[in-house]
């Protein structure tokens, strides 16, 4: 089988093992997803979801966020970590959405990554989940798994994203991220995977894989 066929076959088996894999962040619109994803850096989805309840009640949209003080935002997001930098970026991002995009979160990668606090991972989360535009999210789980299952040998997330988008069809890019993240959290953990529970252990190309784990 060709590499693309092997990759798709492996992914389909993972997809069957995690049929309910989805974005773990709670949101009502593209702006809320953008904010939640920015907050999720070095923070769990569970914690972000707890924080955004009060955050979105007080500052529901970019118009409210743009006129908030940095100190107010800091207090609302303090428990997510790196709260000063995140607050600064959120206020500036809101201003940019208002002035550059008439208050609407843009729908292109280039426009999204031009916003304060937004990298390619965050942009692809928004594109794929808020706008149903194919986006390949590369977080720590996807990076680790893509290397372990032989889809890439790269370490740079941008390179990994480009290689995975060439390897897999666009219509599954968004779900690939959800599925790999689910598998990374449940089984293919860092630093040691739980191979004895792996649904794709017979397909895993890792050299010296210990199936007794």
C-alpha atoms as a PDB file:
ATOM      1  CA  UNK A   1       0.000   0.000   0.000  1.00  0.00           C
ATOM      2  CA  UNK A   2       1.078   3.565  -0.642  1.00  0.00           C
ATOM      3  CA  UNK A   3       1.990   5.786   2.285  1.00  0.00           C
ATOM      4  CA  UNK A   4      -1.224   7.798   1.896  1.00  0.00           C
ATOM      5  CA  UNK A   5      -3.330   4.640   1.909  1.00  0.00           C
ATOM      6  CA  UNK A   6      -1.527   3.289   4.972  1.00  0.00           C
ATOM      7  CA  UNK A   7      -1.979   6.569   6.799  1.00  0.00           C
ATOM      8  CA  UNK A   8      -5.677   6.755   5.978  1.00  0.00           C
ATOM      9  CA  UNK A   9      -6.205   3.134   7.034  1.00  0.00           C
ATOM     10  CA  UNK A  10      -4.497   3.771  10.368  1.00  0.00           C
ATOM     11  CA  UNK A  11      -6.504   6.931  10.909  1.00  0.00           C
ATOM     12  CA  UNK A  12      -9.813   5.185  10.152  1.00  0.00           C
ATOM     13  CA  UNK A  13      -9.052   2.612  12.840  1.00  0.00           C
ATOM     14  CA  UNK A  14      -8.267   5.361  15.309  1.00  0.00           C
ATOM     15  CA  UNK A  15     -11.440   7.178  14.338  1.00  0.00           C
ATOM     16  CA  UNK A  16     -13.444   4.016  15.036  1.00  0.00           C
ATOM     17  CA  UNK A  17     -11.793   3.760  18.462  1.00  0.00           C
ATOM     18  CA  UNK A  18     -12.664   7.373  19.334  1.00  0.00           C
ATOM     19  CA  UNK A  19     -15.991   8.046  17.595  1.00  0.00           C
ATOM     20  CA  UNK A  20     -16.897  10.897  19.929  1.00  0.00           C
ATOM     21  CA  UNK A  21     -13.640  12.833  19.645  1.00  0.00           C
ATOM     22  CA  UNK A  22     -14.345  16.553  19.367  1.00  0.00           C
ATOM     23  CA  UNK A  23     -13.104  19.966  20.443  1.00  0.00           C
ATOM     24  CA  UNK A  24     -12.923  20.049  24.225  1.00  0.00           C
ATOM     25  CA  UNK A  25     -13.491  23.789  24.496  1.00  0.00           C
ATOM     26  CA  UNK A  26     -16.975  25.161  25.108  1.00  0.00           C
ATOM     27  CA  UNK A  27     -18.068  28.097  22.953  1.00  0.00           C
ATOM     28  CA  UNK A  28     -21.102  29.678  21.303  1.00  0.00           C
ATOM     29  CA  UNK A  29     -19.473  31.456  18.368  1.00  0.00           C
ATOM     30  CA  UNK A  30     -16.188  32.019  16.560  1.00  0.00           C
ATOM     31  CA  UNK A  31     -15.084  34.812  18.900  1.00  0.00           C
ATOM     32  CA  UNK A  32     -15.588  32.686  21.991  1.00  0.00           C
ATOM     33  CA  UNK A  33     -13.682  29.801  20.403  1.00  0.00           C
ATOM     34  CA  UNK A  34     -10.838  32.141  19.462  1.00  0.00           C
ATOM     35  CA  UNK A  35     -10.616  33.456  23.026  1.00  0.00           C
ATOM     36  CA  UNK A  36     -10.856  29.983  24.560  1.00  0.00           C
ATOM     37  CA  UNK A  37      -8.127  28.635  22.292  1.00  0.00           C
ATOM     38  CA  UNK A  38      -5.799  31.507  23.152  1.00  0.00           C
ATOM     39  CA  UNK A  39      -6.419  30.761  26.835  1.00  0.00           C
ATOM     40  CA  UNK A  40      -5.764  27.043  26.331  1.00  0.00           C
ATOM     41  CA  UNK A  41      -2.021  27.560  25.815  1.00  0.00           C
ATOM     42  CA  UNK A  42      -0.281  25.755  28.687  1.00  0.00           C
ATOM     43  CA  UNK A  43      -3.678  25.140  30.278  1.00  0.00           C
ATOM     44  CA  UNK A  44      -6.237  22.333  30.298  1.00  0.00           C
ATOM     45  CA  UNK A  45      -9.517  22.579  28.418  1.00  0.00           C
ATOM     46  CA  UNK A  46     -11.320  21.862  31.689  1.00  0.00           C
ATOM     47  CA  UNK A  47      -9.791  24.894  33.371  1.00  0.00           C
ATOM     48  CA  UNK A  48     -10.455  27.117  30.346  1.00  0.00           C
ATOM     49  CA  UNK A  49     -14.113  26.053  30.304  1.00  0.00           C
ATOM     50  CA  UNK A  50     -14.425  26.984  33.969  1.00  0.00           C
ATOM     51  CA  UNK A  51     -12.842  30.393  33.412  1.00  0.00           C
ATOM     52  CA  UNK A  52     -14.792  31.351  30.299  1.00  0.00           C
ATOM     53  CA  UNK A  53     -18.161  31.082  32.084  1.00  0.00           C
ATOM     54  CA  UNK A  54     -17.521  34.324  33.968  1.00  0.00           C
ATOM     55  CA  UNK A  55     -15.339  35.803  31.246  1.00  0.00           C
ATOM     56  CA  UNK A  56     -18.020  35.567  28.561  1.00  0.00           C
ATOM     57  CA  UNK A  57     -20.728  36.699  30.955  1.00  0.00           C
ATOM     58  CA  UNK A  58     -18.850  39.928  31.635  1.00  0.00           C
ATOM     59  CA  UNK A  59     -17.130  40.350  28.264  1.00  0.00           C
ATOM     60  CA  UNK A  60     -19.201  38.420  25.716  1.00  0.00           C
ATOM     61  CA  UNK A  61     -17.759  39.814  22.493  1.00  0.00           C
ATOM     62  CA  UNK A  62     -14.869  41.746  20.974  1.00  0.00           C
ATOM     63  CA  UNK A  63     -16.620  45.086  21.561  1.00  0.00           C
ATOM     64  CA  UNK A  64     -16.686  44.498  25.321  1.00  0.00           C
ATOM     65  CA  UNK A  65     -13.210  42.967  25.431  1.00  0.00           C
ATOM     66  CA  UNK A  66     -11.661  45.864  23.510  1.00  0.00           C
ATOM     67  CA  UNK A  67     -12.737  48.454  26.097  1.00  0.00           C
ATOM     68  CA  UNK A  68     -11.910  46.324  29.132  1.00  0.00           C
ATOM     69  CA  UNK A  69      -8.796  47.128  31.130  1.00  0.00           C
ATOM     70  CA  UNK A  70      -5.972  44.655  31.057  1.00  0.00           C
ATOM     71  CA  UNK A  71      -6.265  44.358  34.833  1.00  0.00           C
ATOM     72  CA  UNK A  72      -9.923  43.345  34.570  1.00  0.00           C
ATOM     73  CA  UNK A  73      -9.141  40.663  32.024  1.00  0.00           C
ATOM     74  CA  UNK A  74      -6.179  39.446  34.067  1.00  0.00           C
ATOM     75  CA  UNK A  75      -8.380  38.868  37.092  1.00  0.00           C
ATOM     76  CA  UNK A  76     -10.912  36.916  35.038  1.00  0.00           C
ATOM     77  CA  UNK A  77      -8.328  34.605  33.431  1.00  0.00           C
ATOM     78  CA  UNK A  78      -5.689  34.436  36.182  1.00  0.00           C
ATOM     79  CA  UNK A  79      -5.986  30.675  36.761  1.00  0.00           C
ATOM     80  CA  UNK A  80      -5.175  29.816  33.123  1.00  0.00           C
ATOM     81  CA  UNK A  81      -1.503  30.709  33.552  1.00  0.00           C
ATOM     82  CA  UNK A  82       0.565  33.342  31.735  1.00  0.00           C
ATOM     83  CA  UNK A  83      -2.451  35.535  32.415  1.00  0.00           C
ATOM     84  CA  UNK A  84      -0.736  38.901  31.916  1.00  0.00           C
ATOM     85  CA  UNK A  85       0.447  38.108  28.410  1.00  0.00           C
ATOM     86  CA  UNK A  86      -2.844  36.426  27.543  1.00  0.00           C
ATOM     87  CA  UNK A  87      -4.852  39.401  28.800  1.00  0.00           C
ATOM     88  CA  UNK A  88      -2.722  41.830  26.796  1.00  0.00           C
ATOM     89  CA  UNK A  89      -3.217  39.741  23.655  1.00  0.00           C
ATOM     90  CA  UNK A  90      -6.961  39.344  24.179  1.00  0.00           C
ATOM     91  CA  UNK A  91      -7.577  43.078  24.484  1.00  0.00           C
ATOM     92  CA  UNK A  92      -5.418  43.841  21.454  1.00  0.00           C
ATOM     93  CA  UNK A  93      -6.957  40.979  19.472  1.00  0.00           C
ATOM     94  CA  UNK A  94     -10.426  42.348  20.180  1.00  0.00           C
ATOM     95  CA  UNK A  95      -9.375  45.799  18.988  1.00  0.00           C
ATOM     96  CA  UNK A  96      -7.959  44.288  15.802  1.00  0.00           C
ATOM     97  CA  UNK A  97     -11.106  42.272  15.111  1.00  0.00           C
ATOM     98  CA  UNK A  98     -13.159  45.451  15.478  1.00  0.00           C
ATOM     99  CA  UNK A  99     -10.967  47.739  13.405  1.00  0.00           C
ATOM    100  CA  UNK A 100      -9.822  45.309  10.714  1.00  0.00           C
ATOM    101  CA  UNK A 101     -12.781  42.954  10.386  1.00  0.00           C
ATOM    102  CA  UNK A 102     -15.864  44.904  11.505  1.00  0.00           C
ATOM    103  CA  UNK A 103     -16.164  42.847  14.664  1.00  0.00           C
ATOM    104  CA  UNK A 104     -16.199  39.485  12.897  1.00  0.00           C
ATOM    105  CA  UNK A 105     -13.533  36.830  13.383  1.00  0.00           C
ATOM    106  CA  UNK A 106     -11.865  36.381   9.970  1.00  0.00           C
ATOM    107  CA  UNK A 107     -12.180  33.150   8.016  1.00  0.00           C
ATOM    108  CA  UNK A 108      -8.704  32.834   6.516  1.00  0.00           C
ATOM    109  CA  UNK A 109      -5.491  31.530   8.033  1.00  0.00           C
ATOM    110  CA  UNK A 110      -3.437  34.571   7.033  1.00  0.00           C
ATOM    111  CA  UNK A 111      -5.911  37.002   8.596  1.00  0.00           C
ATOM    112  CA  UNK A 112      -6.216  34.952  11.768  1.00  0.00           C
ATOM    113  CA  UNK A 113      -2.483  34.619  12.417  1.00  0.00           C
ATOM    114  CA  UNK A 114      -2.132  38.381  11.984  1.00  0.00           C
ATOM    115  CA  UNK A 115      -4.185  38.838  15.162  1.00  0.00           C
ATOM    116  CA  UNK A 116      -2.488  39.254  18.541  1.00  0.00           C
ATOM    117  CA  UNK A 117      -1.920  35.962  20.351  1.00  0.00           C
ATOM    118  CA  UNK A 118      -2.973  33.815  17.387  1.00  0.00           C
ATOM    119  CA  UNK A 119      -0.644  31.207  15.915  1.00  0.00           C
ATOM    120  CA  UNK A 120      -1.299  28.566  13.288  1.00  0.00           C
ATOM    121  CA  UNK A 121      -2.655  26.058  15.806  1.00  0.00           C
ATOM    122  CA  UNK A 122      -5.210  28.512  17.166  1.00  0.00           C
ATOM    123  CA  UNK A 123      -6.132  29.646  13.656  1.00  0.00           C
ATOM    124  CA  UNK A 124      -6.715  26.086  12.498  1.00  0.00           C
ATOM    125  CA  UNK A 125      -8.857  25.339  15.563  1.00  0.00           C
ATOM    126  CA  UNK A 126     -11.095  28.272  14.680  1.00  0.00           C
ATOM    127  CA  UNK A 127     -11.231  27.493  10.968  1.00  0.00           C
ATOM    128  CA  UNK A 128     -12.089  23.844  11.455  1.00  0.00           C
ATOM    129  CA  UNK A 129     -14.550  24.095  14.328  1.00  0.00           C
ATOM    130  CA  UNK A 130     -16.222  27.481  13.950  1.00  0.00           C
ATOM    131  CA  UNK A 131     -16.238  27.732  10.156  1.00  0.00           C
ATOM    132  CA  UNK A 132     -15.946  24.117   8.973  1.00  0.00           C
ATOM    133  CA  UNK A 133     -12.953  25.104   6.856  1.00  0.00           C
ATOM    134  CA  UNK A 134     -10.335  22.309   6.826  1.00  0.00           C
ATOM    135  CA  UNK A 135      -7.538  23.029   9.284  1.00  0.00           C
ATOM    136  CA  UNK A 136      -4.809  20.717  10.556  1.00  0.00           C
ATOM    137  CA  UNK A 137      -4.168  21.404  14.228  1.00  0.00           C
ATOM    138  CA  UNK A 138      -0.691  20.483  15.460  1.00  0.00           C
ATOM    139  CA  UNK A 139      -0.474  20.587  19.240  1.00  0.00           C
ATOM    140  CA  UNK A 140       1.828  18.573  21.506  1.00  0.00           C
ATOM    141  CA  UNK A 141      -0.294  15.425  21.169  1.00  0.00           C
ATOM    142  CA  UNK A 142      -0.506  15.588  17.378  1.00  0.00           C
ATOM    143  CA  UNK A 143       3.215  16.322  17.126  1.00  0.00           C
ATOM    144  CA  UNK A 144       4.084  13.323  19.315  1.00  0.00           C
ATOM    145  CA  UNK A 145       1.706  10.887  17.635  1.00  0.00           C
ATOM    146  CA  UNK A 146       2.517  11.948  14.081  1.00  0.00           C
ATOM    147  CA  UNK A 147       6.151  11.067  14.767  1.00  0.00           C
ATOM    148  CA  UNK A 148       5.387   7.817  16.575  1.00  0.00           C
ATOM    149  CA  UNK A 149       3.098   6.458  13.872  1.00  0.00           C
ATOM    150  CA  UNK A 150       5.493   7.400  11.090  1.00  0.00           C
ATOM    151  CA  UNK A 151       3.585  10.244   9.458  1.00  0.00           C
ATOM    152  CA  UNK A 152       6.505  12.630   9.892  1.00  0.00           C
ATOM    153  CA  UNK A 153      10.027  12.848  11.208  1.00  0.00           C
ATOM    154  CA  UNK A 154       9.838  16.595  11.715  1.00  0.00           C
ATOM    155  CA  UNK A 155       9.965  18.480  14.996  1.00  0.00           C
ATOM    156  CA  UNK A 156       8.738  21.853  13.741  1.00  0.00           C
ATOM    157  CA  UNK A 157       4.918  22.159  14.023  1.00  0.00           C
ATOM    158  CA  UNK A 158       4.645  24.123  10.768  1.00  0.00           C
ATOM    159  CA  UNK A 159       6.546  21.433   8.886  1.00  0.00           C
ATOM    160  CA  UNK A 160       4.422  18.726  10.506  1.00  0.00           C
ATOM    161  CA  UNK A 161       1.242  20.570   9.524  1.00  0.00           C
ATOM    162  CA  UNK A 162       2.364  20.796   5.902  1.00  0.00           C
ATOM    163  CA  UNK A 163       3.377  17.131   5.769  1.00  0.00           C
ATOM    164  CA  UNK A 164       0.111  15.932   7.302  1.00  0.00           C
ATOM    165  CA  UNK A 165      -1.980  18.049   4.941  1.00  0.00           C
ATOM    166  CA  UNK A 166      -0.178  16.434   2.011  1.00  0.00           C
ATOM    167  CA  UNK A 167      -0.645  12.966   3.485  1.00  0.00           C
ATOM    168  CA  UNK A 168      -4.344  13.120   4.402  1.00  0.00           C
ATOM    169  CA  UNK A 169      -7.411  14.432   2.514  1.00  0.00           C
ATOM    170  CA  UNK A 170      -8.722  17.906   3.483  1.00  0.00           C
ATOM    171  CA  UNK A 171     -12.174  16.687   4.482  1.00  0.00           C
ATOM    172  CA  UNK A 172     -10.751  14.907   7.537  1.00  0.00           C
ATOM    173  CA  UNK A 173      -8.088  17.410   8.649  1.00  0.00           C
ATOM    174  CA  UNK A 174     -10.144  18.873  11.479  1.00  0.00           C
ATOM    175  CA  UNK A 175     -11.271  15.496  12.783  1.00  0.00           C
ATOM    176  CA  UNK A 176      -7.736  14.106  12.558  1.00  0.00           C
ATOM    177  CA  UNK A 177      -6.704  16.621  15.195  1.00  0.00           C
ATOM    178  CA  UNK A 178      -9.556  15.674  17.514  1.00  0.00           C
ATOM    179  CA  UNK A 179      -8.872  11.962  17.081  1.00  0.00           C
ATOM    180  CA  UNK A 180      -5.109  12.140  17.600  1.00  0.00           C
ATOM    181  CA  UNK A 181      -5.557  14.342  20.659  1.00  0.00           C
ATOM    182  CA  UNK A 182      -8.048  11.853  22.112  1.00  0.00           C
ATOM    183  CA  UNK A 183      -5.634   8.971  21.497  1.00  0.00           C
ATOM    184  CA  UNK A 184      -2.716  10.942  22.921  1.00  0.00           C
ATOM    185  CA  UNK A 185      -4.596  11.668  26.126  1.00  0.00           C
ATOM    186  CA  UNK A 186      -6.038   8.190  26.568  1.00  0.00           C
ATOM    187  CA  UNK A 187      -3.273   5.878  25.406  1.00  0.00           C
ATOM    188  CA  UNK A 188      -0.282   7.173  23.421  1.00  0.00           C
ATOM    189  CA  UNK A 189       0.949   9.294  26.299  1.00  0.00           C
ATOM    190  CA  UNK A 190       4.201  11.106  26.910  1.00  0.00           C
ATOM    191  CA  UNK A 191       6.749   9.975  27.735  1.00  0.00           C
ATOM    192  CA  UNK A 192       5.623   6.331  27.751  1.00  0.00           C
ATOM    193  CA  UNK A 193       2.678   5.044  25.688  1.00  0.00           C
ATOM    194  CA  UNK A 194       0.308   2.410  27.062  1.00  0.00           C
ATOM    195  CA  UNK A 195       0.779   0.050  24.141  1.00  0.00           C
ATOM    196  CA  UNK A 196      -1.192  -2.798  25.711  1.00  0.00           C
ATOM    197  CA  UNK A 197      -4.357  -0.699  25.358  1.00  0.00           C
ATOM    198  CA  UNK A 198      -3.614   0.706  21.905  1.00  0.00           C
ATOM    199  CA  UNK A 199      -6.266   0.065  19.219  1.00  0.00           C
ATOM    200  CA  UNK A 200      -3.667   0.408  16.448  1.00  0.00           C
ATOM    201  CA  UNK A 201      -0.713  -1.365  18.061  1.00  0.00           C
ATOM    202  CA  UNK A 202      -0.444  -3.831  15.153  1.00  0.00           C
ATOM    203  CA  UNK A 203      -0.130  -0.924  12.721  1.00  0.00           C
ATOM    204  CA  UNK A 204       2.271   1.151  14.774  1.00  0.00           C
ATOM    205  CA  UNK A 205       5.652   1.427  13.029  1.00  0.00           C
ATOM    206  CA  UNK A 206       7.573   2.496  16.108  1.00  0.00           C
ATOM    207  CA  UNK A 207      10.868   0.626  16.274  1.00  0.00           C
ATOM    208  CA  UNK A 208      11.099  -1.594  19.318  1.00  0.00           C
ATOM    209  CA  UNK A 209       7.507  -1.072  20.366  1.00  0.00           C
ATOM    210  CA  UNK A 210       6.830  -3.052  23.524  1.00  0.00           C
ATOM    211  CA  UNK A 211       3.388  -4.661  23.138  1.00  0.00           C
ATOM    212  CA  UNK A 212       3.451  -5.902  26.720  1.00  0.00           C
ATOM    213  CA  UNK A 213       2.878  -2.389  28.055  1.00  0.00           C
END
